[in-house]
Amino acid sequence: MTSIDNTALGRLEKEGRLVNAVLKGWTKKEGRFGFRGDIALRFQPQLADEKRPPDYSIEQVLTIAERGDPTIPILAGYLHSFTYLADVAQVLDGTLSPDGRYFIFCNNIDLLAKYRTKIGDITFCVLPCEESTVWKEMMDLAGVDKNDIKTFDTAGKLDYLIDAAKDIEVSCTELSYKEGLSKMGPVKNRNENRPV
């Protein structure tokens, strides 16, 4: 088996950006590397050898990379603020493709909104995420029932969902990043109204 270096995720791994992994390894599909976890967007300053968590990340990431392919074909993840979309485009620059499918669930956009936002030549489908997880949202979008995949392991489940997600068509409003910044609401506290 070749290592992650041979995939579009290799640079992110070298930079220490692939964190909190639930899955980081080869899947059931030949030549496919799967990742479920967070991709750090901005690091906190490090003092001596102390390891600090990132300032912010793309959280709950679901993605794959094919061996030898320099770009990530599909990615889904959660951003705490729409503002961070520019960081996503910058940090993942060179690993995203104009033909790729990129679903970003966002804390502070209108709950009824669905945006198609282009940064450079990369298009992001920006969707609301309220009281749910990226996994559940993607399962719903792709029309996958949890019973369809309950016998699979983590890698098998990711394979199944990613393959189903390639055909997702979401009708979205075209919105520039600048317009999105003017429309976004305040970032909601995720821990509000949760039982202690």
C-alpha atoms as a PDB file:
ATOM      1  CA  MET A   1       0.000   0.000   0.000  1.00  0.00           C
ATOM      2  CA  THR A   2       1.273   3.456  -0.863  1.00  0.00           C
ATOM      3  CA  SER A   3       1.037   6.166   1.733  1.00  0.00           C
ATOM      4  CA  ILE A   4      -1.127   9.270   1.913  1.00  0.00           C
ATOM      5  CA  ASP A   5       1.759  11.173   0.228  1.00  0.00           C
ATOM      6  CA  ASN A   6       0.599   9.792  -3.096  1.00  0.00           C
ATOM      7  CA  THR A   7      -2.798  11.518  -2.785  1.00  0.00           C
ATOM      8  CA  ALA A   8      -4.214  15.044  -2.772  1.00  0.00           C
ATOM      9  CA  LEU A   9      -4.330  14.838   1.052  1.00  0.00           C
ATOM     10  CA  GLY A  10      -0.553  14.362   1.330  1.00  0.00           C
ATOM     11  CA  ARG A  11       0.346  18.065   1.617  1.00  0.00           C
ATOM     12  CA  LEU A  12      -2.363  18.658   4.245  1.00  0.00           C
ATOM     13  CA  GLU A  13      -0.996  15.745   6.273  1.00  0.00           C
ATOM     14  CA  LYS A  14       2.577  17.122   6.039  1.00  0.00           C
ATOM     15  CA  GLU A  15       1.331  20.518   7.258  1.00  0.00           C
ATOM     16  CA  GLY A  16      -0.331  18.819  10.256  1.00  0.00           C
ATOM     17  CA  ARG A  17      -3.806  19.895   9.146  1.00  0.00           C
ATOM     18  CA  LEU A  18      -5.586  16.510   9.274  1.00  0.00           C
ATOM     19  CA  VAL A  19      -6.689  16.380  12.912  1.00  0.00           C
ATOM     20  CA  ASN A  20      -9.240  14.563  15.107  1.00  0.00           C
ATOM     21  CA  ALA A  21      -9.449  11.707  12.610  1.00  0.00           C
ATOM     22  CA  VAL A  22     -12.193   9.103  12.946  1.00  0.00           C
ATOM     23  CA  LEU A  23     -10.809   7.595   9.735  1.00  0.00           C
ATOM     24  CA  LYS A  24      -7.524   8.293   7.975  1.00  0.00           C
ATOM     25  CA  GLY A  25      -6.620   5.380   5.763  1.00  0.00           C
ATOM     26  CA  TRP A  26      -7.284   3.294   2.695  1.00  0.00           C
ATOM     27  CA  THR A  27     -10.926   2.390   2.084  1.00  0.00           C
ATOM     28  CA  LYS A  28     -12.461  -0.709   0.518  1.00  0.00           C
ATOM     29  CA  LYS A  29     -12.122   0.768  -2.981  1.00  0.00           C
ATOM     30  CA  GLU A  30      -8.791   0.113  -4.684  1.00  0.00           C
ATOM     31  CA  GLY A  31      -6.524   3.180  -4.589  1.00  0.00           C
ATOM     32  CA  ARG A  32      -8.923   5.305  -2.530  1.00  0.00           C
ATOM     33  CA  PHE A  33      -7.815   7.049   0.660  1.00  0.00           C
ATOM     34  CA  GLY A  34     -10.565   8.167   3.026  1.00  0.00           C
ATOM     35  CA  PHE A  35     -10.585  10.881   5.673  1.00  0.00           C
ATOM     36  CA  ARG A  36     -13.148  11.709   8.345  1.00  0.00           C
ATOM     37  CA  GLY A  37     -12.082  14.331  10.854  1.00  0.00           C
ATOM     38  CA  ASP A  38     -11.167  18.027  10.840  1.00  0.00           C
ATOM     39  CA  ILE A  39      -8.926  20.030   8.504  1.00  0.00           C
ATOM     40  CA  ALA A  40      -7.172  22.813  10.429  1.00  0.00           C
ATOM     41  CA  LEU A  41      -7.488  26.192   8.703  1.00  0.00           C
ATOM     42  CA  ARG A  42      -5.586  28.385  11.140  1.00  0.00           C
ATOM     43  CA  PHE A  43      -3.173  27.325  13.851  1.00  0.00           C
ATOM     44  CA  GLN A  44      -2.666  29.020  17.211  1.00  0.00           C
ATOM     45  CA  PRO A  45       0.845  30.304  17.897  1.00  0.00           C
ATOM     46  CA  GLN A  46       2.879  27.488  19.444  1.00  0.00           C
ATOM     47  CA  LEU A  47       4.996  28.043  22.512  1.00  0.00           C
ATOM     48  CA  ALA A  48       8.059  25.779  22.782  1.00  0.00           C
ATOM     49  CA  ASP A  49       6.887  22.218  22.037  1.00  0.00           C
ATOM     50  CA  GLU A  50       3.372  22.729  23.368  1.00  0.00           C
ATOM     51  CA  LYS A  51       0.758  21.450  20.913  1.00  0.00           C
ATOM     52  CA  ARG A  52      -2.340  23.630  20.771  1.00  0.00           C
ATOM     53  CA  PRO A  53      -5.597  22.907  18.973  1.00  0.00           C
ATOM     54  CA  PRO A  54      -6.232  24.900  15.773  1.00  0.00           C
ATOM     55  CA  ASP A  55      -7.932  28.298  16.020  1.00  0.00           C
ATOM     56  CA  TYR A  56     -10.556  27.019  13.625  1.00  0.00           C
ATOM     57  CA  SER A  57     -11.040  24.163  11.165  1.00  0.00           C
ATOM     58  CA  ILE A  58     -13.338  22.645   8.609  1.00  0.00           C
ATOM     59  CA  GLU A  59     -15.025  20.283  11.053  1.00  0.00           C
ATOM     60  CA  GLN A  60     -16.647  16.857  10.523  1.00  0.00           C
ATOM     61  CA  VAL A  61     -14.960  16.491   7.128  1.00  0.00           C
ATOM     62  CA  LEU A  62     -15.951  13.617   4.857  1.00  0.00           C
ATOM     63  CA  THR A  63     -13.629  13.232   1.890  1.00  0.00           C
ATOM     64  CA  ILE A  64     -11.641  10.851  -0.257  1.00  0.00           C
ATOM     65  CA  ALA A  65      -8.563  11.112  -2.445  1.00  0.00           C
ATOM     66  CA  GLU A  66      -7.610   8.723  -5.223  1.00  0.00           C
ATOM     67  CA  ARG A  67      -4.021   7.491  -5.475  1.00  0.00           C
ATOM     68  CA  GLY A  68      -2.062   9.553  -8.009  1.00  0.00           C
ATOM     69  CA  ASP A  69      -4.804  12.187  -8.451  1.00  0.00           C
ATOM     70  CA  PRO A  70      -3.622  15.678  -7.396  1.00  0.00           C
ATOM     71  CA  THR A  71      -7.141  16.906  -6.569  1.00  0.00           C
ATOM     72  CA  ILE A  72      -9.887  15.996  -4.107  1.00  0.00           C
ATOM     73  CA  PRO A  73     -13.027  14.999  -6.072  1.00  0.00           C
ATOM     74  CA  ILE A  74     -15.555  15.488  -3.280  1.00  0.00           C
ATOM     75  CA  LEU A  75     -15.563  16.975   0.205  1.00  0.00           C
ATOM     76  CA  ALA A  76     -18.198  17.824   2.787  1.00  0.00           C
ATOM     77  CA  GLY A  77     -17.550  19.693   6.017  1.00  0.00           C
ATOM     78  CA  TYR A  78     -18.835  22.160   8.586  1.00  0.00           C
ATOM     79  CA  LEU A  79     -17.727  25.782   9.086  1.00  0.00           C
ATOM     80  CA  HIS A  80     -18.603  27.730  12.196  1.00  0.00           C
ATOM     81  CA  SER A  81     -18.729  30.933  10.113  1.00  0.00           C
ATOM     82  CA  PHE A  82     -19.254  31.660   6.417  1.00  0.00           C
ATOM     83  CA  THR A  83     -16.230  34.014   6.687  1.00  0.00           C
ATOM     84  CA  TYR A  84     -13.927  30.969   6.848  1.00  0.00           C
ATOM     85  CA  LEU A  85     -14.845  29.931   3.289  1.00  0.00           C
ATOM     86  CA  ALA A  86     -12.018  32.153   1.992  1.00  0.00           C
ATOM     87  CA  ASP A  87      -9.595  30.239   4.260  1.00  0.00           C
ATOM     88  CA  VAL A  88     -10.899  26.943   2.874  1.00  0.00           C
ATOM     89  CA  ALA A  89     -10.146  28.102  -0.681  1.00  0.00           C
ATOM     90  CA  GLN A  90      -6.685  29.310   0.365  1.00  0.00           C
ATOM     91  CA  VAL A  91      -5.626  26.322   2.501  1.00  0.00           C
ATOM     92  CA  LEU A  92      -6.928  23.778  -0.030  1.00  0.00           C
ATOM     93  CA  ASP A  93      -5.640  25.749  -3.023  1.00  0.00           C
ATOM     94  CA  GLY A  94      -4.218  23.338  -5.585  1.00  0.00           C
ATOM     95  CA  THR A  95      -6.063  20.340  -4.127  1.00  0.00           C
ATOM     96  CA  LEU A  96      -9.552  21.391  -5.255  1.00  0.00           C
ATOM     97  CA  SER A  97     -10.772  21.040  -8.833  1.00  0.00           C
ATOM     98  CA  PRO A  98     -13.258  23.140 -10.839  1.00  0.00           C
ATOM     99  CA  ASP A  99     -15.057  19.816 -11.512  1.00  0.00           C
ATOM    100  CA  GLY A 100     -15.106  18.759  -7.839  1.00  0.00           C
ATOM    101  CA  ARG A 101     -18.147  18.608  -5.564  1.00  0.00           C
ATOM    102  CA  TYR A 102     -17.664  20.623  -2.353  1.00  0.00           C
ATOM    103  CA  PHE A 103     -20.461  20.807   0.237  1.00  0.00           C
ATOM    104  CA  ILE A 104     -19.925  23.264   3.074  1.00  0.00           C
ATOM    105  CA  PHE A 105     -22.449  23.338   5.922  1.00  0.00           C
ATOM    106  CA  CYS A 106     -22.450  26.641   7.719  1.00  0.00           C
ATOM    107  CA  ASN A 107     -23.554  27.775  11.155  1.00  0.00           C
ATOM    108  CA  ASN A 108     -24.457  31.384  10.371  1.00  0.00           C
ATOM    109  CA  ILE A 109     -26.415  31.413   7.134  1.00  0.00           C
ATOM    110  CA  ASP A 110     -30.194  31.536   6.803  1.00  0.00           C
ATOM    111  CA  LEU A 111     -31.735  28.142   7.568  1.00  0.00           C
ATOM    112  CA  LEU A 112     -33.651  28.196   4.286  1.00  0.00           C
ATOM    113  CA  ALA A 113     -30.682  29.323   2.196  1.00  0.00           C
ATOM    114  CA  LYS A 114     -28.675  27.239  -0.246  1.00  0.00           C
ATOM    115  CA  TYR A 115     -25.869  29.071  -1.989  1.00  0.00           C
ATOM    116  CA  ARG A 116     -23.517  28.323  -4.840  1.00  0.00           C
ATOM    117  CA  THR A 117     -20.422  30.407  -4.122  1.00  0.00           C
ATOM    118  CA  LYS A 118     -17.383  30.573  -6.360  1.00  0.00           C
ATOM    119  CA  ILE A 119     -13.941  31.512  -5.093  1.00  0.00           C
ATOM    120  CA  GLY A 120     -11.485  31.618  -7.981  1.00  0.00           C
ATOM    121  CA  ASP A 121     -12.556  28.749 -10.233  1.00  0.00           C
ATOM    122  CA  ILE A 122     -13.766  26.538  -7.363  1.00  0.00           C
ATOM    123  CA  THR A 123     -17.496  26.247  -6.657  1.00  0.00           C
ATOM    124  CA  PHE A 124     -18.807  25.537  -3.164  1.00  0.00           C
ATOM    125  CA  CYS A 125     -22.354  24.450  -2.343  1.00  0.00           C
ATOM    126  CA  VAL A 126     -23.012  26.272   0.961  1.00  0.00           C
ATOM    127  CA  LEU A 127     -25.840  24.847   3.057  1.00  0.00           C
ATOM    128  CA  PRO A 128     -27.278  25.547   6.506  1.00  0.00           C
ATOM    129  CA  CYS A 129     -26.485  23.153   9.350  1.00  0.00           C
ATOM    130  CA  GLU A 130     -28.615  23.380  12.453  1.00  0.00           C
ATOM    131  CA  GLU A 131     -28.640  20.872  15.300  1.00  0.00           C
ATOM    132  CA  SER A 132     -27.267  18.144  13.083  1.00  0.00           C
ATOM    133  CA  THR A 133     -24.033  16.642  11.804  1.00  0.00           C
ATOM    134  CA  VAL A 134     -22.432  16.728   8.369  1.00  0.00           C
ATOM    135  CA  TRP A 135     -22.778  12.926   8.245  1.00  0.00           C
ATOM    136  CA  LYS A 136     -26.549  13.077   8.828  1.00  0.00           C
ATOM    137  CA  GLU A 137     -27.017  16.010   6.444  1.00  0.00           C
ATOM    138  CA  MET A 138     -25.095  14.216   3.676  1.00  0.00           C
ATOM    139  CA  MET A 139     -27.009  10.973   4.290  1.00  0.00           C
ATOM    140  CA  ASP A 140     -30.262  12.934   3.833  1.00  0.00           C
ATOM    141  CA  LEU A 141     -29.003  14.794   0.756  1.00  0.00           C
ATOM    142  CA  ALA A 142     -27.791  11.571  -0.872  1.00  0.00           C
ATOM    143  CA  GLY A 143     -30.932   9.656   0.091  1.00  0.00           C
ATOM    144  CA  VAL A 144     -28.977   6.984   1.966  1.00  0.00           C
ATOM    145  CA  ASP A 145     -30.799   5.098   4.714  1.00  0.00           C
ATOM    146  CA  LYS A 146     -28.686   4.163   7.724  1.00  0.00           C
ATOM    147  CA  ASN A 147     -29.965   0.584   7.424  1.00  0.00           C
ATOM    148  CA  ASP A 148     -28.304   0.367   3.986  1.00  0.00           C
ATOM    149  CA  ILE A 149     -24.876   0.708   5.570  1.00  0.00           C
ATOM    150  CA  LYS A 150     -25.228  -0.573   9.132  1.00  0.00           C
ATOM    151  CA  THR A 151     -23.196  -3.727   8.447  1.00  0.00           C
ATOM    152  CA  PHE A 152     -20.251  -1.773   6.969  1.00  0.00           C
ATOM    153  CA  ASP A 153     -17.179  -0.602   8.858  1.00  0.00           C
ATOM    154  CA  THR A 154     -16.200   3.107   8.984  1.00  0.00           C
ATOM    155  CA  ALA A 155     -14.299   2.985   5.657  1.00  0.00           C
ATOM    156  CA  GLY A 156     -17.094   1.059   3.930  1.00  0.00           C
ATOM    157  CA  LYS A 157     -19.707   3.545   5.141  1.00  0.00           C
ATOM    158  CA  LEU A 158     -17.650   6.466   3.834  1.00  0.00           C
ATOM    159  CA  ASP A 159     -17.212   4.749   0.439  1.00  0.00           C
ATOM    160  CA  TYR A 160     -20.948   4.158   0.146  1.00  0.00           C
ATOM    161  CA  LEU A 161     -21.931   7.705   1.127  1.00  0.00           C
ATOM    162  CA  ILE A 162     -19.283   9.379  -1.059  1.00  0.00           C
ATOM    163  CA  ASP A 163     -20.340   7.336  -4.095  1.00  0.00           C
ATOM    164  CA  ALA A 164     -23.994   8.236  -3.493  1.00  0.00           C
ATOM    165  CA  ALA A 165     -23.080  11.917  -2.928  1.00  0.00           C
ATOM    166  CA  LYS A 166     -21.438  12.232  -6.360  1.00  0.00           C
ATOM    167  CA  ASP A 167     -24.920  12.366  -7.909  1.00  0.00           C
ATOM    168  CA  ILE A 168     -26.440  14.902  -5.512  1.00  0.00           C
ATOM    169  CA  GLU A 169     -28.062  17.837  -7.275  1.00  0.00           C
ATOM    170  CA  VAL A 170     -28.911  20.768  -5.000  1.00  0.00           C
ATOM    171  CA  SER A 171     -30.678  23.776  -6.431  1.00  0.00           C
ATOM    172  CA  CYS A 172     -28.765  26.767  -5.109  1.00  0.00           C
ATOM    173  CA  THR A 173     -28.827  30.540  -5.461  1.00  0.00           C
ATOM    174  CA  GLU A 174     -25.660  31.966  -7.018  1.00  0.00           C
ATOM    175  CA  LEU A 175     -24.045  34.197  -4.418  1.00  0.00           C
ATOM    176  CA  SER A 176     -20.616  35.820  -4.425  1.00  0.00           C
ATOM    177  CA  TYR A 177     -18.416  35.471  -1.352  1.00  0.00           C
ATOM    178  CA  LYS A 178     -18.723  39.235  -0.753  1.00  0.00           C
ATOM    179  CA  GLU A 179     -22.551  39.070  -0.905  1.00  0.00           C
ATOM    180  CA  GLY A 180     -22.457  36.077   1.446  1.00  0.00           C
ATOM    181  CA  LEU A 181     -20.466  38.091   3.993  1.00  0.00           C
ATOM    182  CA  SER A 182     -23.102  40.841   3.945  1.00  0.00           C
ATOM    183  CA  LYS A 183     -25.958  38.329   4.366  1.00  0.00           C
ATOM    184  CA  MET A 184     -24.497  36.078   7.052  1.00  0.00           C
ATOM    185  CA  GLY A 185     -25.909  36.256  10.556  1.00  0.00           C
ATOM    186  CA  PRO A 186     -24.097  36.131  13.886  1.00  0.00           C
ATOM    187  CA  VAL A 187     -22.373  32.852  14.737  1.00  0.00           C
ATOM    188  CA  LYS A 188     -24.684  30.846  16.963  1.00  0.00           C
ATOM    189  CA  ASN A 189     -23.341  29.304  20.160  1.00  0.00           C
ATOM    190  CA  ARG A 190     -23.456  25.557  19.537  1.00  0.00           C
ATOM    191  CA  ASN A 191     -23.741  24.795  23.252  1.00  0.00           C
ATOM    192  CA  GLU A 192     -26.736  27.016  23.864  1.00  0.00           C
ATOM    193  CA  ASN A 193     -29.922  25.216  24.941  1.00  0.00           C
ATOM    194  CA  ARG A 194     -28.067  21.951  25.419  1.00  0.00           C
ATOM    195  CA  PRO A 195     -28.592  20.019  28.617  1.00  0.00           C
ATOM    196  CA  VAL A 196     -25.566  20.130  30.901  1.00  0.00           C
END
